[in-house]
C-alpha atoms as a PDB file:
ATOM      1  CA  MET A   1       1.596 -16.365  -3.019  1.00  0.00           C
ATOM      2  CA  ARG A   2      -0.267 -17.244  -6.221  1.00  0.00           C
ATOM      3  CA  THR A   3      -3.622 -16.372  -4.587  1.00  0.00           C
ATOM      4  CA  ARG A   4      -2.396 -12.993  -3.426  1.00  0.00           C
ATOM      5  CA  ALA A   5      -0.814 -12.238  -6.809  1.00  0.00           C
ATOM      6  CA  SER A   6      -4.077 -13.149  -8.546  1.00  0.00           C
ATOM      7  CA  ALA A   7      -6.078 -10.891  -6.242  1.00  0.00           C
ATOM      8  CA  THR A   8      -3.644  -8.018  -6.819  1.00  0.00           C
ATOM      9  CA  LEU A   9      -3.893  -8.541 -10.573  1.00  0.00           C
ATOM     10  CA  LEU A  10      -7.679  -8.443 -10.259  1.00  0.00           C
ATOM     11  CA  VAL A  11      -7.445  -5.059  -8.536  1.00  0.00           C
ATOM     12  CA  ALA A  12      -5.356  -3.795 -11.442  1.00  0.00           C
ATOM     13  CA  LEU A  13      -7.866  -5.146 -13.956  1.00  0.00           C
ATOM     14  CA  VAL A  14     -10.768  -3.470 -12.148  1.00  0.00           C
ATOM     15  CA  LEU A  15      -8.903  -0.166 -12.177  1.00  0.00           C
ATOM     16  CA  ALA A  16      -8.079  -0.572 -15.869  1.00  0.00           C
ATOM     17  CA  VAL A  17     -11.752  -1.045 -16.709  1.00  0.00           C
ATOM     18  CA  LEU A  18     -12.792   1.909 -14.547  1.00  0.00           C
ATOM     19  CA  PHE A  19     -10.365   4.336 -16.108  1.00  0.00           C
ATOM     20  CA  ALA A  20     -10.476   3.112 -19.722  1.00  0.00           C
ATOM     21  CA  GLY A  21     -11.110   6.058 -21.985  1.00  0.00           C
ATOM     22  CA  ARG A  22     -10.546   8.672 -19.296  1.00  0.00           C
ATOM     23  CA  GLY A  23      -8.001  11.429 -19.284  1.00  0.00           C
ATOM     24  CA  PRO A  24      -4.761  11.304 -17.299  1.00  0.00           C
ATOM     25  CA  ASP A  25      -6.309  11.707 -13.857  1.00  0.00           C
ATOM     26  CA  ARG A  26      -3.813  11.601 -11.032  1.00  0.00           C
ATOM     27  CA  ALA A  27      -3.845   8.313  -9.134  1.00  0.00           C
ATOM     28  CA  PRO A  28      -4.431   8.328  -5.351  1.00  0.00           C
ATOM     29  CA  THR A  29      -1.269   8.604  -3.287  1.00  0.00           C
ATOM     30  CA  ALA A  30      -0.351   7.906   0.314  1.00  0.00           C
ATOM     31  CA  THR A  31      -0.304  11.678   0.875  1.00  0.00           C
ATOM     32  CA  ASP A  32      -3.886  11.897  -0.368  1.00  0.00           C
ATOM     33  CA  ALA A  33      -4.898   9.199   2.119  1.00  0.00           C
ATOM     34  CA  SER A  34      -3.221  11.044   4.963  1.00  0.00           C
ATOM     35  CA  GLN A  35      -4.898  14.326   4.019  1.00  0.00           C
ATOM     36  CA  SER A  36      -8.313  12.727   3.726  1.00  0.00           C
ATOM     37  CA  ALA A  37      -7.864  11.075   7.112  1.00  0.00           C
ATOM     38  CA  VAL A  38      -7.136  14.439   8.742  1.00  0.00           C
ATOM     39  CA  ALA A  39     -10.462  15.925   7.667  1.00  0.00           C
ATOM     40  CA  PRO A  40     -12.759  13.148   6.458  1.00  0.00           C
ATOM     41  CA  THR A  41     -15.984  14.213   4.799  1.00  0.00           C
ATOM     42  CA  PRO A  42     -18.610  11.475   4.453  1.00  0.00           C
ATOM     43  CA  THR A  43     -19.553  11.217   0.788  1.00  0.00           C
ATOM     44  CA  ALA A  44     -23.265  11.217   0.063  1.00  0.00           C
ATOM     45  CA  THR A  45     -23.124  10.428  -3.664  1.00  0.00           C
ATOM     46  CA  PRO A  46     -20.508   8.039  -5.078  1.00  0.00           C
ATOM     47  CA  THR A  47     -18.686   9.128  -8.217  1.00  0.00           C
ATOM     48  CA  PRO A  48     -19.681   7.331 -11.445  1.00  0.00           C
ATOM     49  CA  GLN A  49     -16.526   5.215 -11.183  1.00  0.00           C
ATOM     50  CA  ALA A  50     -17.352   4.026  -7.671  1.00  0.00           C
ATOM     51  CA  ARG A  51     -21.067   3.231  -7.645  1.00  0.00           C
ATOM     52  CA  SER A  52     -20.408  -0.462  -7.144  1.00  0.00           C
ATOM     53  CA  ALA A  53     -18.679  -1.715  -4.022  1.00  0.00           C
ATOM     54  CA  LEU A  54     -16.150  -3.594  -6.170  1.00  0.00           C
ATOM     55  CA  ALA A  55     -15.155  -0.446  -8.033  1.00  0.00           C
ATOM     56  CA  ALA A  56     -14.917   1.529  -4.801  1.00  0.00           C
ATOM     57  CA  ALA A  57     -12.778  -1.170  -3.158  1.00  0.00           C
ATOM     58  CA  ALA A  58     -10.290  -0.987  -6.002  1.00  0.00           C
ATOM     59  CA  LEU A  59      -9.996   2.783  -5.506  1.00  0.00           C
ATOM     60  CA  LEU A  60      -9.390   2.811  -1.741  1.00  0.00           C
ATOM     61  CA  PRO A  61      -5.958   4.153  -0.799  1.00  0.00           C
ATOM     62  CA  VAL A  62      -3.499   1.430   0.199  1.00  0.00           C
ATOM     63  CA  LYS A  63      -0.982   1.879   3.004  1.00  0.00           C
ATOM     64  CA  GLY A  64       0.582  -0.149   5.760  1.00  0.00           C
ATOM     65  CA  ARG A  65      -1.128  -0.593   9.116  1.00  0.00           C
ATOM     66  CA  ALA A  66      -0.092   2.062  11.646  1.00  0.00           C
ATOM     67  CA  PRO A  67       0.806   1.010  15.207  1.00  0.00           C
ATOM     68  CA  ARG A  68      -2.068   0.487  17.642  1.00  0.00           C
ATOM     69  CA  THR A  69      -0.117   2.524  20.176  1.00  0.00           C
ATOM     70  CA  GLY A  70      -2.271   5.073  21.964  1.00  0.00           C
ATOM     71  CA  TYR A  71      -5.624   3.522  21.054  1.00  0.00           C
ATOM     72  CA  ASP A  72      -8.325   3.930  23.682  1.00  0.00           C
ATOM     73  CA  ARG A  73     -12.084   3.574  23.288  1.00  0.00           C
ATOM     74  CA  ASP A  74     -12.530   6.834  25.189  1.00  0.00           C
ATOM     75  CA  LEU A  75     -10.862   8.686  22.306  1.00  0.00           C
ATOM     76  CA  TYR A  76     -14.048   8.023  20.336  1.00  0.00           C
ATOM     77  CA  GLY A  77     -16.191  10.035  22.718  1.00  0.00           C
ATOM     78  CA  GLN A  78     -19.209   9.071  24.790  1.00  0.00           C
ATOM     79  CA  ARG A  79     -20.397   5.512  24.224  1.00  0.00           C
ATOM     80  CA  TRP A  80     -23.673   5.337  22.307  1.00  0.00           C
ATOM     81  CA  LYS A  81     -24.219   9.077  22.446  1.00  0.00           C
ATOM     82  CA  ASP A  82     -27.538  10.457  21.223  1.00  0.00           C
ATOM     83  CA  VAL A  83     -25.853  12.111  18.233  1.00  0.00           C
ATOM     84  CA  ASP A  84     -29.086  12.653  16.280  1.00  0.00           C
ATOM     85  CA  ARG A  85     -30.792  14.190  19.340  1.00  0.00           C
ATOM     86  CA  ASN A  86     -33.905  12.063  19.017  1.00  0.00           C
ATOM     87  CA  GLY A  87     -33.945  11.337  22.751  1.00  0.00           C
ATOM     88  CA  CYS A  88     -32.548   7.807  22.400  1.00  0.00           C
ATOM     89  CA  ASP A  89     -28.985   6.538  22.616  1.00  0.00           C
ATOM     90  CA  THR A  90     -27.382   5.055  19.505  1.00  0.00           C
ATOM     91  CA  ARG A  91     -27.503   1.458  20.786  1.00  0.00           C
ATOM     92  CA  ASN A  92     -31.276   1.554  21.143  1.00  0.00           C
ATOM     93  CA  ASP A  93     -31.623   3.319  17.790  1.00  0.00           C
ATOM     94  CA  ILE A  94     -29.848   0.390  16.120  1.00  0.00           C
ATOM     95  CA  LEU A  95     -31.798  -2.227  18.076  1.00  0.00           C
ATOM     96  CA  ARG A  96     -35.061  -0.618  16.963  1.00  0.00           C
ATOM     97  CA  ARG A  97     -33.792  -0.521  13.363  1.00  0.00           C
ATOM     98  CA  ASP A  98     -32.563  -4.128  13.218  1.00  0.00           C
ATOM     99  CA  LEU A  99     -34.874  -6.154  15.498  1.00  0.00           C
ATOM    100  CA  ASP A 100     -38.328  -7.486  14.685  1.00  0.00           C
ATOM    101  CA  ALA A 101     -41.232  -8.194  17.047  1.00  0.00           C
ATOM    102  CA  GLN A 102     -40.025  -5.478  19.398  1.00  0.00           C
ATOM    103  CA  VAL A 103     -41.396  -4.801  22.846  1.00  0.00           C
ATOM    104  CA  LEU A 104     -40.413  -1.347  24.108  1.00  0.00           C
ATOM    105  CA  LYS A 105     -39.790  -0.649  27.761  1.00  0.00           C
ATOM    106  CA  GLU A 106     -42.537   1.364  29.402  1.00  0.00           C
ATOM    107  CA  GLY A 107     -41.682   4.860  30.530  1.00  0.00           C
ATOM    108  CA  THR A 108     -38.888   5.350  27.975  1.00  0.00           C
ATOM    109  CA  TYR A 109     -40.968   7.263  25.396  1.00  0.00           C
ATOM    110  CA  GLY A 110     -40.625   4.467  22.874  1.00  0.00           C
ATOM    111  CA  CYS A 111     -36.852   4.397  23.104  1.00  0.00           C
ATOM    112  CA  VAL A 112     -35.537   1.374  24.992  1.00  0.00           C
ATOM    113  CA  VAL A 113     -35.988  -2.075  23.461  1.00  0.00           C
ATOM    114  CA  ALA A 114     -36.980  -4.594  26.137  1.00  0.00           C
ATOM    115  CA  SER A 115     -37.102  -7.585  23.801  1.00  0.00           C
ATOM    116  CA  GLY A 116     -37.180  -8.497  20.147  1.00  0.00           C
ATOM    117  CA  THR A 117     -36.047 -10.944  17.495  1.00  0.00           C
ATOM    118  CA  LEU A 118     -32.836 -10.579  15.515  1.00  0.00           C
ATOM    119  CA  HIS A 119     -32.373 -12.308  12.183  1.00  0.00           C
ATOM    120  CA  ASP A 120     -28.637 -12.304  12.617  1.00  0.00           C
ATOM    121  CA  PRO A 121     -26.729 -11.395   9.451  1.00  0.00           C
ATOM    122  CA  TYR A 122     -23.436 -12.886  10.661  1.00  0.00           C
ATOM    123  CA  SER A 123     -24.675 -16.391  11.473  1.00  0.00           C
ATOM    124  CA  GLY A 124     -27.861 -16.534   9.452  1.00  0.00           C
ATOM    125  CA  GLY A 125     -29.677 -17.666  12.602  1.00  0.00           C
ATOM    126  CA  THR A 126     -32.434 -16.176  14.721  1.00  0.00           C
ATOM    127  CA  ILE A 127     -31.715 -14.775  18.188  1.00  0.00           C
ATOM    128  CA  LEU A 128     -34.217 -13.767  20.830  1.00  0.00           C
ATOM    129  CA  PHE A 129     -33.091 -10.578  22.524  1.00  0.00           C
ATOM    130  CA  VAL A 130     -34.157  -9.948  26.111  1.00  0.00           C
ATOM    131  CA  ARG A 131     -32.791  -6.932  27.914  1.00  0.00           C
ATOM    132  CA  GLY A 132     -31.269  -7.754  31.268  1.00  0.00           C
ATOM    133  CA  GLN A 133     -28.177  -8.754  33.148  1.00  0.00           C
ATOM    134  CA  GLY A 134     -26.711 -11.849  31.547  1.00  0.00           C
ATOM    135  CA  THR A 135     -29.024 -11.724  28.512  1.00  0.00           C
ATOM    136  CA  SER A 136     -28.428  -8.408  26.739  1.00  0.00           C
ATOM    137  CA  THR A 137     -25.033  -9.521  25.448  1.00  0.00           C
ATOM    138  CA  ALA A 138     -26.642 -12.172  23.233  1.00  0.00           C
ATOM    139  CA  VAL A 139     -27.169  -9.327  20.756  1.00  0.00           C
ATOM    140  CA  GLN A 140     -24.397  -6.761  20.429  1.00  0.00           C
ATOM    141  CA  ILE A 141     -23.895  -3.712  18.231  1.00  0.00           C
ATOM    142  CA  ASP A 142     -20.898  -4.253  15.978  1.00  0.00           C
ATOM    143  CA  HIS A 143     -18.766  -1.520  14.475  1.00  0.00           C
ATOM    144  CA  VAL A 144     -18.466  -3.008  10.985  1.00  0.00           C
ATOM    145  CA  VAL A 145     -15.180  -1.173  10.623  1.00  0.00           C
ATOM    146  CA  ALA A 146     -13.794  -1.733  14.110  1.00  0.00           C
ATOM    147  CA  LEU A 147     -12.708   1.321  16.082  1.00  0.00           C
ATOM    148  CA  SER A 148      -9.236  -0.125  16.617  1.00  0.00           C
ATOM    149  CA  ASP A 149      -8.944  -0.869  12.903  1.00  0.00           C
ATOM    150  CA  SER A 150      -9.887   2.713  12.068  1.00  0.00           C
ATOM    151  CA  TRP A 151      -7.290   3.961  14.562  1.00  0.00           C
ATOM    152  CA  GLN A 152      -4.578   2.046  12.722  1.00  0.00           C
ATOM    153  CA  LYS A 153      -5.735   3.271   9.300  1.00  0.00           C
ATOM    154  CA  GLY A 154      -6.255   6.986   9.627  1.00  0.00           C
ATOM    155  CA  ALA A 155      -8.382   7.872  12.647  1.00  0.00           C
ATOM    156  CA  GLN A 156      -5.369   8.764  14.806  1.00  0.00           C
ATOM    157  CA  GLN A 157      -5.306  12.025  12.867  1.00  0.00           C
ATOM    158  CA  TRP A 158      -8.965  12.892  13.471  1.00  0.00           C
ATOM    159  CA  ASP A 159     -10.307  15.161  16.166  1.00  0.00           C
ATOM    160  CA  THR A 160     -12.543  13.767  18.910  1.00  0.00           C
ATOM    161  CA  ALA A 161     -15.744  15.044  17.287  1.00  0.00           C
ATOM    162  CA  THR A 162     -15.016  13.130  14.086  1.00  0.00           C
ATOM    163  CA  ARG A 163     -14.154   9.958  15.981  1.00  0.00           C
ATOM    164  CA  GLU A 164     -17.352  10.273  18.016  1.00  0.00           C
ATOM    165  CA  ALA A 165     -19.414  10.702  14.848  1.00  0.00           C
ATOM    166  CA  PHE A 166     -17.711   7.643  13.349  1.00  0.00           C
ATOM    167  CA  ALA A 167     -18.379   5.519  16.444  1.00  0.00           C
ATOM    168  CA  ASN A 168     -22.095   6.355  16.315  1.00  0.00           C
ATOM    169  CA  ASP A 169     -22.682   6.376  12.543  1.00  0.00           C
ATOM    170  CA  PRO A 170     -25.544   3.975  11.681  1.00  0.00           C
ATOM    171  CA  LEU A 171     -23.761   3.123   8.424  1.00  0.00           C
ATOM    172  CA  ASN A 172     -21.031   1.495  10.505  1.00  0.00           C
ATOM    173  CA  LEU A 173     -23.305  -0.266  13.008  1.00  0.00           C
ATOM    174  CA  LEU A 174     -25.176  -3.583  12.918  1.00  0.00           C
ATOM    175  CA  ALA A 175     -27.007  -5.583  15.582  1.00  0.00           C
ATOM    176  CA  VAL A 176     -25.391  -9.031  15.480  1.00  0.00           C
ATOM    177  CA  ASP A 177     -24.740 -12.258  17.352  1.00  0.00           C
ATOM    178  CA  GLY A 178     -22.758 -11.356  20.477  1.00  0.00           C
ATOM    179  CA  PRO A 179     -20.239 -14.236  20.458  1.00  0.00           C
ATOM    180  CA  LEU A 180     -19.474 -13.712  16.766  1.00  0.00           C
ATOM    181  CA  ASN A 181     -18.906 -10.022  17.404  1.00  0.00           C
ATOM    182  CA  GLN A 182     -16.407 -10.956  20.104  1.00  0.00           C
ATOM    183  CA  GLN A 183     -14.766 -13.454  17.759  1.00  0.00           C
ATOM    184  CA  LYS A 184     -14.342 -10.775  15.101  1.00  0.00           C
ATOM    185  CA  GLY A 185     -12.572  -8.350  17.441  1.00  0.00           C
ATOM    186  CA  ASP A 186     -10.898  -5.640  15.376  1.00  0.00           C
ATOM    187  CA  GLY A 187     -10.491  -7.847  12.318  1.00  0.00           C
ATOM    188  CA  ASP A 188     -10.710  -6.449   8.806  1.00  0.00           C
ATOM    189  CA  THR A 189     -11.815  -8.216   5.627  1.00  0.00           C
ATOM    190  CA  ALA A 190      -8.462  -9.973   5.328  1.00  0.00           C
ATOM    191  CA  THR A 191      -8.708 -11.564   8.769  1.00  0.00           C
ATOM    192  CA  TRP A 192     -12.433 -12.094   9.454  1.00  0.00           C
ATOM    193  CA  LEU A 193     -15.615 -12.665   7.463  1.00  0.00           C
ATOM    194  CA  PRO A 194     -19.097 -13.650   8.679  1.00  0.00           C
ATOM    195  CA  PRO A 195     -19.732 -17.414   8.733  1.00  0.00           C
ATOM    196  CA  ASN A 196     -22.959 -16.689   6.835  1.00  0.00           C
ATOM    197  CA  THR A 197     -21.538 -16.676   3.303  1.00  0.00           C
ATOM    198  CA  ALA A 198     -24.754 -15.216   1.886  1.00  0.00           C
ATOM    199  CA  PHE A 199     -24.058 -11.995   3.789  1.00  0.00           C
ATOM    200  CA  ARG A 200     -20.396 -11.575   2.900  1.00  0.00           C
ATOM    201  CA  CYS A 201     -20.921  -9.349  -0.130  1.00  0.00           C
ATOM    202  CA  ALA A 202     -23.147  -6.953   1.808  1.00  0.00           C
ATOM    203  CA  TYR A 203     -20.749  -7.020   4.769  1.00  0.00           C
ATOM    204  CA  VAL A 204     -17.663  -6.208   2.709  1.00  0.00           C
ATOM    205  CA  ALA A 205     -19.577  -3.588   0.731  1.00  0.00           C
ATOM    206  CA  ARG A 206     -20.462  -1.871   4.018  1.00  0.00           C
ATOM    207  CA  GLN A 207     -16.820  -1.878   5.107  1.00  0.00           C
ATOM    208  CA  VAL A 208     -15.837  -0.368   1.765  1.00  0.00           C
ATOM    209  CA  GLY A 209     -18.557   2.259   2.056  1.00  0.00           C
ATOM    210  CA  VAL A 210     -17.517   3.271   5.560  1.00  0.00           C
ATOM    211  CA  LYS A 211     -13.821   3.466   4.703  1.00  0.00           C
ATOM    212  CA  ARG A 212     -14.560   5.445   1.564  1.00  0.00           C
ATOM    213  CA  ALA A 213     -16.851   7.867   3.404  1.00  0.00           C
ATOM    214  CA  TYR A 214     -14.318   8.597   6.146  1.00  0.00           C
ATOM    215  CA  GLY A 215     -11.123   8.549   4.089  1.00  0.00           C
ATOM    216  CA  LEU A 216      -9.648   5.517   5.835  1.00  0.00           C
ATOM    217  CA  TRP A 217      -7.056   3.464   4.035  1.00  0.00           C
ATOM    218  CA  VAL A 218      -6.703  -0.310   3.659  1.00  0.00           C
ATOM    219  CA  THR A 219      -3.735  -2.637   3.673  1.00  0.00           C
ATOM    220  CA  GLN A 220      -2.860  -4.477   0.479  1.00  0.00           C
ATOM    221  CA  ALA A 221      -4.018  -7.779   1.966  1.00  0.00           C
ATOM    222  CA  GLU A 222      -7.293  -6.151   2.989  1.00  0.00           C
ATOM    223  CA  GLN A 223      -7.934  -4.695  -0.463  1.00  0.00           C
ATOM    224  CA  ASP A 224      -7.106  -8.029  -2.097  1.00  0.00           C
ATOM    225  CA  ALA A 225      -9.627  -9.741   0.188  1.00  0.00           C
ATOM    226  CA  MET A 226     -12.288  -7.114  -0.527  1.00  0.00           C
ATOM    227  CA  VAL A 227     -11.863  -7.499  -4.266  1.00  0.00           C
ATOM    228  CA  ARG A 228     -11.859 -11.277  -3.993  1.00  0.00           C
ATOM    229  CA  VAL A 229     -15.212 -11.304  -2.160  1.00  0.00           C
ATOM    230  CA  LEU A 230     -16.852  -8.573  -4.237  1.00  0.00           C
ATOM    231  CA  SER A 231     -15.769 -10.158  -7.515  1.00  0.00           C
ATOM    232  CA  THR A 232     -18.380 -12.830  -6.791  1.00  0.00           C
ATOM    233  CA  CYS A 233     -21.062 -10.091  -6.729  1.00  0.00           C
ATOM    234  CA  PRO A 234     -19.758  -7.299  -9.008  1.00  0.00           C
ATOM    235  CA  THR A 235     -23.039  -5.364  -9.009  1.00  0.00           C
ATOM    236  CA  GLU A 236     -23.250  -5.158  -5.190  1.00  0.00           C
ATOM    237  CA  PRO A 237     -23.910  -1.466  -4.499  1.00  0.00           C
ATOM    238  CA  LEU A 238     -22.313   0.710  -1.884  1.00  0.00           C
ATOM    239  CA  PRO A 239     -24.660   1.016   1.101  1.00  0.00           C
ATOM    240  CA  SER A 240     -25.999   4.428   1.990  1.00  0.00           C
END
């Protein structure tokens, strides 16, 4: 109880610093969160008060977790759709972005990654990726903000096009260790963090950035955990 109270107090202190000297701006409400979830608009430029991930975490709307009832992966559209129309599916786009020493499969116009090396952010280890049955799953593409988590925190109110864009947004995708991705499941910051402690600030900052961009809310426990991690790296920027 003392830990949670301290984290909540830290949120209040961050907000107090952010808004010191400002006029009587209206504070975010649950209604605001609901409205933003209906028609989320990814934000390209953070406001001056939210340029750090810590500041942005303190400003995320807080609500309870909605029921998981009705969640289905198919509600997020075609898996790994070529949303940017570059001729490659999203999975291969992320593999090419995140893997080193890549070998591309012949006859795929430079699209499909046949093998490569991942410096895994979640474990801190190095993984050799080889495409094939029984080997491809060693490296998986993680939704940093899990689809199920988004469903319970605002995405139920989105249309299919918005959910499909969210599921394929590179900001929300990382190539990672397959078993650790399975271990994470649909966990949020309050329930799962990467074992690689050196990556935790960047990981939580990415979750904050995604939730901020799409108007998703957080639970109180989740916000407390975000602030607790980001307080160890207060200048960590929001990813873009």
